N, C-alpha and C. Protein backbone atom coordinates (compact mmCIF):
# COMPACT_ATOMS: atom_id res chain seq x y z
N UNK A 1 148.81 85.88 361.82
CA UNK A 1 148.93 85.62 360.27
C UNK A 1 149.83 86.60 359.74
N UNK A 2 150.98 86.13 359.20
CA UNK A 2 151.96 86.94 358.65
C UNK A 2 151.87 87.05 357.11
N UNK A 3 151.96 88.10 356.37
CA UNK A 3 151.93 88.38 354.99
C UNK A 3 153.01 87.72 354.52
N UNK A 4 152.94 87.16 353.41
CA UNK A 4 153.88 86.37 352.36
C UNK A 4 155.07 87.42 352.27
N UNK A 5 156.26 86.97 352.51
CA UNK A 5 157.27 87.86 352.24
C UNK A 5 157.55 88.18 350.75
N UNK A 6 157.42 89.46 350.23
CA UNK A 6 157.45 89.72 348.72
C UNK A 6 158.68 89.92 348.42
N UNK A 7 159.16 89.96 347.15
CA UNK A 7 160.56 90.35 346.82
C UNK A 7 160.70 91.68 347.04
N UNK A 8 161.95 91.93 347.33
CA UNK A 8 162.32 93.37 347.53
C UNK A 8 162.15 94.21 346.19
N UNK A 9 161.37 95.42 346.33
CA UNK A 9 161.37 96.08 345.08
C UNK A 9 162.68 96.80 344.63
N UNK A 10 162.98 96.88 343.35
CA UNK A 10 164.23 97.64 343.10
C UNK A 10 164.01 99.02 343.41
N UNK A 11 165.19 99.60 343.83
CA UNK A 11 164.94 101.23 343.99
C UNK A 11 164.48 102.00 342.93
N UNK A 12 163.52 102.80 342.96
CA UNK A 12 163.02 103.71 341.85
C UNK A 12 164.25 104.60 341.31
N UNK A 13 164.48 104.52 340.11
CA UNK A 13 165.36 105.42 339.60
C UNK A 13 165.12 107.00 339.96
N UNK A 14 166.06 107.70 340.59
CA UNK A 14 165.71 109.10 340.92
C UNK A 14 165.83 109.97 339.86
N UNK A 15 164.91 110.82 339.63
CA UNK A 15 164.97 111.76 338.56
C UNK A 15 165.78 112.99 339.04
N UNK A 16 166.82 113.21 338.25
CA UNK A 16 167.63 114.36 338.55
C UNK A 16 166.67 115.64 338.44
N UNK A 17 166.68 116.68 339.20
CA UNK A 17 165.77 117.78 338.84
C UNK A 17 166.11 118.52 337.60
N UNK A 18 165.12 118.70 336.90
CA UNK A 18 165.37 119.51 335.71
C UNK A 18 165.61 121.10 336.12
N UNK A 19 166.55 121.52 335.40
CA UNK A 19 166.79 123.08 335.68
C UNK A 19 165.67 123.82 335.08
N UNK A 20 165.37 124.82 335.68
CA UNK A 20 164.01 125.68 335.32
C UNK A 20 164.67 126.62 334.20
N UNK A 21 164.06 126.30 332.91
CA UNK A 21 164.39 127.06 331.67
C UNK A 21 163.21 127.90 331.27
N UNK A 22 163.35 129.09 331.04
CA UNK A 22 162.37 130.08 330.80
C UNK A 22 162.54 130.27 329.18
N UNK A 23 161.41 129.85 328.52
CA UNK A 23 161.65 130.01 326.90
C UNK A 23 161.58 131.41 326.43
N UNK A 24 162.52 131.73 325.51
CA UNK A 24 162.54 133.07 325.02
C UNK A 24 161.80 133.29 323.77
N UNK A 25 161.35 132.19 323.01
CA UNK A 25 160.73 132.30 321.72
C UNK A 25 159.80 131.16 321.79
N UNK A 26 158.90 131.21 320.75
CA UNK A 26 157.81 130.10 320.76
C UNK A 26 158.45 128.76 320.15
N UNK A 27 159.64 128.83 319.14
CA UNK A 27 160.43 127.78 318.85
C UNK A 27 160.99 127.09 320.20
N UNK A 28 161.51 127.74 321.04
CA UNK A 28 162.34 127.55 322.12
C UNK A 28 161.16 126.74 322.98
N UNK A 29 160.07 127.29 323.35
CA UNK A 29 158.95 126.57 324.06
C UNK A 29 158.47 125.16 323.68
N UNK A 30 158.40 125.23 322.31
CA UNK A 30 157.97 123.98 321.50
C UNK A 30 159.11 122.82 321.66
N UNK A 31 160.36 123.34 321.62
CA UNK A 31 161.62 122.34 321.90
C UNK A 31 161.41 121.82 323.13
N UNK A 32 161.13 122.66 324.24
CA UNK A 32 161.15 122.20 325.55
C UNK A 32 160.03 121.21 325.76
N UNK A 33 158.89 121.46 325.14
CA UNK A 33 157.66 120.74 325.37
C UNK A 33 157.97 119.32 324.76
N UNK A 34 158.65 119.23 323.52
CA UNK A 34 159.08 118.00 322.87
C UNK A 34 159.96 117.15 323.64
N UNK A 35 161.09 117.88 324.35
CA UNK A 35 161.93 117.21 325.20
C UNK A 35 161.27 116.68 326.46
N UNK A 36 160.58 117.27 326.89
CA UNK A 36 159.67 116.95 328.00
C UNK A 36 158.78 115.67 327.68
N UNK A 37 158.32 115.58 326.64
CA UNK A 37 157.37 114.36 326.10
C UNK A 37 158.42 113.36 325.77
N UNK A 38 159.41 113.40 325.25
CA UNK A 38 160.36 112.33 324.85
C UNK A 38 161.14 111.96 326.04
N UNK A 39 161.18 112.51 327.30
CA UNK A 39 161.88 111.90 328.30
C UNK A 39 161.14 110.60 329.09
N UNK A 40 159.89 110.57 328.79
CA UNK A 40 159.19 109.32 329.06
C UNK A 40 158.30 108.89 327.79
N UNK A 41 158.73 108.12 327.03
CA UNK A 41 157.91 107.85 325.85
C UNK A 41 156.87 106.93 325.91
N UNK A 42 156.95 106.07 327.27
CA UNK A 42 155.71 105.15 327.59
C UNK A 42 154.63 105.82 328.12
N UNK A 43 154.63 107.00 328.56
CA UNK A 43 153.55 107.70 328.94
C UNK A 43 152.66 108.36 327.99
N UNK A 44 151.29 108.12 328.18
CA UNK A 44 150.19 108.48 327.13
C UNK A 44 150.18 109.95 327.09
N UNK A 45 150.07 110.53 325.91
CA UNK A 45 149.99 111.86 325.55
C UNK A 45 148.50 112.22 325.53
N UNK A 46 148.05 113.19 326.34
CA UNK A 46 146.77 113.73 326.24
C UNK A 46 146.55 114.46 325.14
N UNK A 47 145.57 114.00 324.22
CA UNK A 47 145.08 114.83 323.03
C UNK A 47 143.94 115.30 323.32
N UNK A 48 143.73 116.81 323.23
CA UNK A 48 142.53 117.42 323.35
C UNK A 48 141.51 117.07 322.27
N UNK A 49 140.19 116.86 322.64
CA UNK A 49 139.29 116.66 321.81
C UNK A 49 138.78 117.93 321.14
N UNK A 50 138.21 117.78 319.95
CA UNK A 50 137.77 119.05 319.28
C UNK A 50 136.50 119.41 320.03
N UNK A 51 136.78 120.86 320.10
CA UNK A 51 135.57 121.40 320.80
C UNK A 51 134.23 121.57 319.92
N UNK A 52 133.18 121.55 320.53
CA UNK A 52 132.00 121.74 319.64
C UNK A 52 131.83 123.25 319.06
N UNK A 53 131.31 123.35 317.93
CA UNK A 53 131.03 124.48 317.50
C UNK A 53 130.17 125.28 318.60
N UNK A 54 130.33 126.73 318.55
CA UNK A 54 129.77 127.67 319.16
C UNK A 54 128.17 127.65 319.05
N UNK A 55 127.35 127.57 319.90
CA UNK A 55 125.96 127.72 319.48
C UNK A 55 125.38 128.73 320.49
N UNK A 56 124.49 129.71 319.97
CA UNK A 56 123.92 130.49 321.03
C UNK A 56 122.80 129.95 321.94
N UNK A 57 122.81 130.38 323.21
CA UNK A 57 121.81 129.96 324.07
C UNK A 57 120.47 130.25 323.58
N UNK A 58 119.56 129.09 323.67
CA UNK A 58 118.19 129.41 323.27
C UNK A 58 117.36 130.72 323.95
N UNK A 59 116.53 131.17 323.23
CA UNK A 59 115.76 132.26 323.93
C UNK A 59 114.96 131.88 325.22
N UNK A 60 114.97 132.65 325.95
CA UNK A 60 114.37 132.12 327.27
C UNK A 60 112.83 131.84 327.22
N UNK A 61 112.45 130.68 327.94
CA UNK A 61 111.30 130.35 327.87
C UNK A 61 110.31 131.14 328.61
N UNK A 62 110.80 131.60 329.93
CA UNK A 62 110.09 132.49 330.82
C UNK A 62 110.89 133.59 331.02
N UNK A 63 110.33 134.92 330.83
CA UNK A 63 111.08 136.15 331.07
C UNK A 63 110.69 136.62 332.42
N UNK A 64 111.72 136.68 333.23
CA UNK A 64 111.42 137.15 334.75
C UNK A 64 111.25 138.64 334.94
N UNK A 65 112.27 139.36 334.30
CA UNK A 65 112.35 140.83 334.77
C UNK A 65 111.58 141.53 333.75
N UNK A 66 110.42 141.34 333.65
CA UNK A 66 109.41 142.32 332.89
C UNK A 66 109.09 143.56 333.57
N UNK A 67 109.10 144.62 332.95
CA UNK A 67 108.67 145.91 333.73
C UNK A 67 107.12 145.96 333.71
N UNK A 68 106.77 146.50 335.04
CA UNK A 68 105.42 146.73 335.35
C UNK A 68 104.75 147.79 334.35
N UNK A 69 103.55 147.67 334.29
CA UNK A 69 102.61 148.37 333.26
C UNK A 69 102.84 149.98 333.69
N UNK A 70 102.97 150.23 334.77
CA UNK A 70 102.94 151.80 335.33
C UNK A 70 104.12 152.34 335.33
N UNK A 71 105.36 151.33 335.29
CA UNK A 71 106.76 151.88 335.60
C UNK A 71 107.20 152.64 334.26
N UNK A 72 108.01 153.59 334.58
CA UNK A 72 108.75 154.29 333.53
C UNK A 72 109.93 153.52 333.32
N UNK A 73 110.67 153.79 332.07
CA UNK A 73 112.11 153.10 331.94
C UNK A 73 113.07 153.57 332.86
N UNK A 74 113.72 152.84 333.54
CA UNK A 74 114.66 153.12 334.42
C UNK A 74 116.05 153.42 333.67
N UNK A 75 117.08 153.87 334.40
CA UNK A 75 118.29 154.30 333.66
C UNK A 75 119.14 153.04 333.08
N UNK A 76 118.71 151.84 333.61
CA UNK A 76 119.67 150.76 333.07
C UNK A 76 118.76 149.85 332.25
N UNK A 77 117.54 150.30 331.94
CA UNK A 77 116.80 149.68 330.97
C UNK A 77 117.27 149.48 329.62
N UNK A 78 117.78 150.51 329.11
CA UNK A 78 118.52 150.39 327.68
C UNK A 78 119.39 149.46 327.46
N UNK A 79 120.25 149.32 328.48
CA UNK A 79 121.41 148.36 328.43
C UNK A 79 120.89 146.88 328.37
N UNK A 80 119.84 146.60 329.27
CA UNK A 80 119.22 145.44 329.28
C UNK A 80 118.82 145.19 327.96
N UNK A 81 118.10 146.08 327.38
CA UNK A 81 117.40 145.78 325.95
C UNK A 81 118.54 145.78 325.07
N UNK A 82 119.49 146.46 324.99
CA UNK A 82 120.64 146.42 324.10
C UNK A 82 121.20 144.86 324.18
N UNK A 83 121.50 144.37 325.45
CA UNK A 83 122.14 142.86 325.43
C UNK A 83 121.16 142.02 324.82
N UNK A 84 119.77 142.25 325.22
CA UNK A 84 118.85 141.19 324.59
C UNK A 84 118.92 141.19 323.07
N UNK A 85 118.86 142.36 322.55
CA UNK A 85 118.76 142.62 321.08
C UNK A 85 120.07 141.94 320.33
N UNK A 86 121.21 142.38 321.02
CA UNK A 86 122.42 141.80 320.69
C UNK A 86 122.41 140.24 320.42
N UNK A 87 122.03 139.62 321.55
CA UNK A 87 121.89 138.21 321.59
C UNK A 87 120.94 137.71 320.71
N UNK A 88 119.82 138.29 320.35
CA UNK A 88 118.80 137.73 319.39
C UNK A 88 119.36 137.92 317.94
N UNK A 89 120.07 139.08 317.79
CA UNK A 89 120.72 139.12 316.45
C UNK A 89 121.79 138.15 316.15
N UNK A 90 122.53 137.78 317.25
CA UNK A 90 123.61 136.74 317.06
C UNK A 90 123.05 135.31 316.79
N UNK A 91 121.85 135.03 317.57
CA UNK A 91 121.07 133.82 317.28
C UNK A 91 120.60 133.73 315.87
N UNK A 92 119.99 134.84 315.49
CA UNK A 92 119.47 134.81 313.96
C UNK A 92 120.54 134.69 312.94
N UNK A 93 121.70 135.25 313.19
CA UNK A 93 122.97 135.25 312.36
C UNK A 93 123.42 133.70 312.34
N UNK A 94 123.45 133.00 313.45
CA UNK A 94 123.93 131.79 313.61
C UNK A 94 123.16 130.83 312.82
N UNK A 95 121.74 131.05 312.95
CA UNK A 95 120.74 130.10 312.29
C UNK A 95 120.83 130.37 310.76
N UNK A 96 121.09 131.54 310.44
CA UNK A 96 121.19 131.68 308.75
C UNK A 96 122.65 131.07 308.39
N UNK A 97 123.64 131.08 309.12
CA UNK A 97 124.89 130.46 308.68
C UNK A 97 124.67 129.07 308.82
N UNK A 98 123.96 128.38 309.85
CA UNK A 98 123.76 126.95 309.70
C UNK A 98 123.08 126.58 308.53
N UNK A 99 122.11 127.20 308.30
CA UNK A 99 121.06 126.82 306.91
C UNK A 99 121.91 127.00 305.68
N UNK A 100 122.88 128.10 305.64
CA UNK A 100 123.84 128.17 304.41
C UNK A 100 124.70 126.96 304.33
N UNK A 101 125.20 126.65 305.54
CA UNK A 101 126.21 125.49 305.37
C UNK A 101 125.46 124.37 305.09
N UNK A 102 124.23 124.15 305.54
CA UNK A 102 123.57 122.83 305.26
C UNK A 102 123.18 122.81 303.75
N UNK A 103 122.94 123.99 303.28
CA UNK A 103 122.62 124.09 301.83
C UNK A 103 123.82 123.74 300.86
N UNK A 104 124.91 124.19 301.34
CA UNK A 104 126.30 123.99 300.66
C UNK A 104 126.56 122.46 300.73
N UNK A 105 126.35 121.94 302.00
CA UNK A 105 126.77 120.40 302.09
C UNK A 105 125.78 119.59 301.21
N UNK A 106 124.51 120.02 301.10
CA UNK A 106 123.63 119.13 300.28
C UNK A 106 124.08 119.42 298.77
N UNK A 107 124.27 120.64 298.37
CA UNK A 107 124.74 120.80 296.94
C UNK A 107 126.17 120.00 296.53
N UNK A 108 126.99 119.87 297.67
CA UNK A 108 128.17 119.10 297.41
C UNK A 108 127.86 117.69 297.27
N UNK A 109 126.98 117.18 298.11
CA UNK A 109 126.64 115.77 297.99
C UNK A 109 125.90 115.49 296.64
N UNK A 110 125.16 116.37 296.25
CA UNK A 110 124.58 116.22 294.89
C UNK A 110 125.53 116.22 293.72
N UNK A 111 126.57 117.05 293.87
CA UNK A 111 127.73 117.20 292.78
C UNK A 111 128.36 115.65 292.86
N UNK A 112 128.76 115.23 294.16
CA UNK A 112 129.50 114.09 294.03
C UNK A 112 128.67 112.95 293.55
N UNK A 113 127.29 112.86 293.69
CA UNK A 113 126.36 111.77 293.14
C UNK A 113 126.49 112.08 291.73
N UNK A 114 126.23 113.16 291.18
CA UNK A 114 126.41 113.42 289.73
C UNK A 114 127.66 112.99 289.13
N UNK A 115 128.81 113.32 289.70
CA UNK A 115 130.01 112.89 289.33
C UNK A 115 130.08 111.39 289.10
N UNK A 116 129.69 110.72 290.31
CA UNK A 116 129.73 109.39 290.38
C UNK A 116 128.87 108.64 289.22
N UNK A 117 127.73 109.23 288.96
CA UNK A 117 126.98 108.78 287.84
C UNK A 117 127.60 108.66 286.55
N UNK A 118 128.12 110.01 286.24
CA UNK A 118 128.77 110.20 285.10
C UNK A 118 129.95 109.25 284.80
N UNK A 119 130.72 108.98 286.07
CA UNK A 119 131.93 108.04 286.04
C UNK A 119 131.48 106.72 285.66
N UNK A 120 130.41 106.25 286.32
CA UNK A 120 129.80 104.87 286.16
C UNK A 120 129.40 104.61 284.61
N UNK A 121 128.68 105.76 284.10
CA UNK A 121 128.00 105.61 282.65
C UNK A 121 129.39 105.53 281.85
N UNK A 122 130.52 106.22 282.04
CA UNK A 122 131.61 106.21 281.19
C UNK A 122 132.35 104.80 281.37
N UNK A 123 132.37 104.12 282.41
CA UNK A 123 132.83 103.07 282.73
C UNK A 123 132.12 101.96 281.98
N UNK A 124 130.80 101.81 282.04
CA UNK A 124 130.02 100.96 281.43
C UNK A 124 129.96 101.12 279.89
N UNK A 125 130.13 102.39 279.43
CA UNK A 125 130.30 102.51 278.07
C UNK A 125 131.57 101.73 277.55
N UNK A 126 132.63 102.06 278.25
CA UNK A 126 133.96 101.27 277.90
C UNK A 126 133.93 99.86 278.15
N UNK A 127 133.06 99.38 279.26
CA UNK A 127 132.99 98.04 279.33
C UNK A 127 132.42 97.22 278.22
N UNK A 128 131.27 98.00 277.72
CA UNK A 128 130.55 97.42 276.52
C UNK A 128 131.52 97.35 275.35
N UNK A 129 132.30 98.49 275.22
CA UNK A 129 133.30 98.59 274.03
C UNK A 129 134.22 97.31 274.20
N UNK A 130 134.79 97.11 275.22
CA UNK A 130 135.66 96.03 275.47
C UNK A 130 135.15 94.60 275.04
N UNK A 131 133.86 94.64 275.58
CA UNK A 131 133.06 93.31 275.40
C UNK A 131 133.00 92.99 273.88
N UNK A 132 132.63 94.11 273.17
CA UNK A 132 132.30 94.05 271.57
C UNK A 132 133.60 93.61 271.07
N UNK A 133 134.77 94.25 271.41
CA UNK A 133 136.11 93.82 270.79
C UNK A 133 136.47 92.27 271.22
N UNK A 134 136.24 91.98 272.49
CA UNK A 134 136.44 90.49 272.76
C UNK A 134 135.48 89.50 271.74
N UNK A 135 134.37 89.99 271.66
CA UNK A 135 133.49 89.04 270.76
C UNK A 135 133.96 88.97 269.40
N UNK A 136 134.46 90.20 268.98
CA UNK A 136 134.91 90.37 267.62
C UNK A 136 136.01 89.30 267.41
N UNK A 137 137.02 89.48 268.26
CA UNK A 137 138.19 88.54 268.33
C UNK A 137 137.76 87.17 268.30
N UNK A 138 136.76 86.70 269.31
CA UNK A 138 136.57 85.30 269.24
C UNK A 138 135.78 84.85 267.88
N UNK A 139 134.93 85.91 267.35
CA UNK A 139 134.24 85.46 266.21
C UNK A 139 135.31 85.28 264.93
N UNK A 140 136.36 86.33 264.94
CA UNK A 140 137.33 86.29 263.95
C UNK A 140 138.15 84.81 264.08
N UNK A 141 138.44 84.32 265.30
CA UNK A 141 139.00 83.23 265.41
C UNK A 141 138.34 82.04 264.83
N UNK A 142 136.97 82.08 265.47
CA UNK A 142 136.12 81.00 264.93
C UNK A 142 136.05 80.94 263.40
N UNK A 143 135.86 81.99 262.78
CA UNK A 143 135.65 82.08 261.30
C UNK A 143 137.03 81.56 260.66
N UNK A 144 138.23 81.74 261.14
CA UNK A 144 139.45 81.42 260.73
C UNK A 144 139.48 79.69 260.87
N UNK A 145 139.21 79.36 261.99
CA UNK A 145 139.20 77.76 262.07
C UNK A 145 138.34 77.18 261.16
N UNK A 146 137.06 77.78 261.03
CA UNK A 146 136.19 77.03 260.07
C UNK A 146 136.76 77.17 258.60
N UNK A 147 137.32 78.28 258.28
CA UNK A 147 137.88 78.35 256.94
C UNK A 147 138.90 77.27 256.58
N UNK A 148 139.76 76.99 257.77
CA UNK A 148 140.66 76.05 257.69
C UNK A 148 140.21 74.65 257.53
N UNK A 149 139.10 74.28 258.24
CA UNK A 149 138.40 73.14 258.04
C UNK A 149 137.86 72.95 256.93
N UNK A 150 137.16 73.94 256.34
CA UNK A 150 136.59 73.74 255.02
C UNK A 150 137.74 73.58 253.90
N UNK A 151 138.74 74.32 253.89
CA UNK A 151 139.71 74.42 252.86
C UNK A 151 140.59 72.93 252.72
N UNK A 152 141.08 72.68 253.92
CA UNK A 152 141.93 71.36 253.97
C UNK A 152 143.09 71.44 253.12
N UNK A 153 142.85 71.97 252.08
CA UNK A 153 144.31 72.12 251.29
C UNK A 153 144.95 73.41 251.52
N UNK A 154 146.32 73.19 251.94
CA UNK A 154 146.90 74.62 252.22
C UNK A 154 147.27 75.51 251.09
N UNK A 155 146.62 76.75 251.33
CA UNK A 155 146.67 77.80 250.27
C UNK A 155 147.35 78.80 250.96
N UNK A 156 148.85 78.88 250.82
CA UNK A 156 149.82 79.71 251.73
C UNK A 156 149.49 81.12 251.39
N UNK A 157 149.26 81.56 250.37
CA UNK A 157 149.11 83.10 249.90
C UNK A 157 148.05 83.87 250.77
N UNK A 158 146.92 83.11 250.78
CA UNK A 158 145.69 83.67 251.45
C UNK A 158 145.92 83.77 252.95
N UNK A 159 146.41 82.85 253.61
CA UNK A 159 146.74 82.70 254.85
C UNK A 159 147.57 83.97 255.31
N UNK A 160 148.82 84.16 254.63
CA UNK A 160 149.64 85.13 254.75
C UNK A 160 148.95 86.54 254.90
N UNK A 161 148.09 86.66 254.05
CA UNK A 161 147.12 87.99 253.90
C UNK A 161 146.48 88.16 254.97
N UNK A 162 145.66 87.06 255.35
CA UNK A 162 144.76 87.30 256.53
C UNK A 162 145.59 87.39 257.95
N UNK A 163 146.69 86.81 258.02
CA UNK A 163 147.41 86.87 259.17
C UNK A 163 147.91 88.45 259.40
N UNK A 164 148.31 88.98 258.06
CA UNK A 164 148.71 90.45 258.27
C UNK A 164 147.59 91.36 258.67
N UNK A 165 146.53 91.13 258.00
CA UNK A 165 145.21 91.85 258.55
C UNK A 165 144.87 91.86 259.83
N UNK A 166 145.13 90.37 260.51
CA UNK A 166 144.79 90.27 261.95
C UNK A 166 145.77 91.07 262.86
N UNK A 167 147.07 91.27 262.35
CA UNK A 167 148.13 91.97 263.17
C UNK A 167 147.77 93.35 263.19
N UNK A 168 147.29 93.95 262.00
CA UNK A 168 146.87 95.51 262.02
C UNK A 168 145.60 95.57 262.72
N UNK A 169 144.61 94.55 262.87
CA UNK A 169 143.40 94.72 263.66
C UNK A 169 143.49 94.63 265.06
N UNK A 170 144.67 93.71 265.50
CA UNK A 170 144.92 93.78 266.85
C UNK A 170 145.80 95.01 267.49
N UNK A 171 146.50 95.76 266.51
CA UNK A 171 147.21 96.92 266.82
C UNK A 171 146.04 97.95 267.13
N UNK A 172 145.10 98.00 266.18
CA UNK A 172 144.15 99.05 266.38
C UNK A 172 143.17 98.84 267.73
N UNK A 173 142.91 97.55 267.81
CA UNK A 173 142.28 97.10 269.05
C UNK A 173 143.01 97.66 270.27
N UNK A 174 144.34 97.34 270.40
CA UNK A 174 145.09 97.63 271.61
C UNK A 174 145.03 99.23 271.89
N UNK A 175 145.07 99.92 270.74
CA UNK A 175 145.02 101.43 270.81
C UNK A 175 143.73 101.79 271.21
N UNK A 176 142.62 101.04 270.86
CA UNK A 176 141.21 101.37 271.38
C UNK A 176 141.12 101.12 272.75
N UNK A 177 141.66 100.06 273.27
CA UNK A 177 141.67 99.67 274.68
C UNK A 177 142.46 100.60 275.65
N UNK A 178 143.42 101.21 275.10
CA UNK A 178 144.36 102.26 275.85
C UNK A 178 143.31 103.31 276.46
N UNK A 179 142.44 103.68 275.43
CA UNK A 179 141.72 105.08 276.00
C UNK A 179 140.78 104.57 277.12
N UNK A 180 140.54 103.39 277.44
CA UNK A 180 139.89 102.93 278.57
C UNK A 180 140.47 103.11 279.84
N UNK A 181 141.94 103.63 279.86
CA UNK A 181 142.69 103.63 280.91
C UNK A 181 142.46 105.16 281.52
N UNK A 182 141.83 105.96 280.63
CA UNK A 182 141.72 107.45 281.11
C UNK A 182 140.78 107.47 282.26
N UNK A 183 141.32 108.34 283.36
CA UNK A 183 140.51 108.66 284.45
C UNK A 183 139.01 108.92 284.20
N UNK A 184 138.12 108.24 284.63
CA UNK A 184 136.66 108.55 284.43
C UNK A 184 136.10 109.61 285.57
N UNK A 185 136.69 109.64 286.77
CA UNK A 185 135.94 110.43 287.68
C UNK A 185 136.65 111.81 287.77
N UNK A 186 135.68 112.71 287.18
CA UNK A 186 136.25 113.99 287.12
C UNK A 186 135.45 115.03 288.16
N UNK A 187 136.46 115.57 289.01
CA UNK A 187 135.86 116.37 290.10
C UNK A 187 135.39 117.74 289.69
N UNK A 188 135.96 118.24 288.66
CA UNK A 188 135.51 119.70 288.23
C UNK A 188 134.32 119.94 287.55
N UNK A 189 133.44 118.91 287.72
CA UNK A 189 132.10 119.37 287.13
C UNK A 189 131.02 119.77 288.04
């Protein structure tokens, strides 16, 4: 049983050996790294993952090297104690730092919530204001139409006066609506 003849592979392009360059500065080292990366753009670039924060090792559950009750302190005993004490202080400092960080995070979240509530209240207030203006406009239109129906006879002078008033009202309303465009989410509170 013979294997099916496969198409001959094209010869792999030979990489010319790169000359050894010793970088003289940090910038040159960076440039060389970039050149090496750009030589083969298809190759995936390894991105190191973020290392976890340092945490002290937990206190021992079982202490093995306890001195006997009749023994005097040996010459190395002080150093053992010193290391244990340093490690314990480090652990306590770490716990304090973590508690402080958690407290600050909670404060920040409360602040965000408070700002969000304030912003929502302002938005709702402005929304109510816009609704009132809309209703006013609609009411004015209805009143105008009713007046026209009731009058039936054209009274030019009154209409002209009322239309001028409407123009002034609409300008004022536009100015009032513009203040709704102010940013309502304020970080500095």
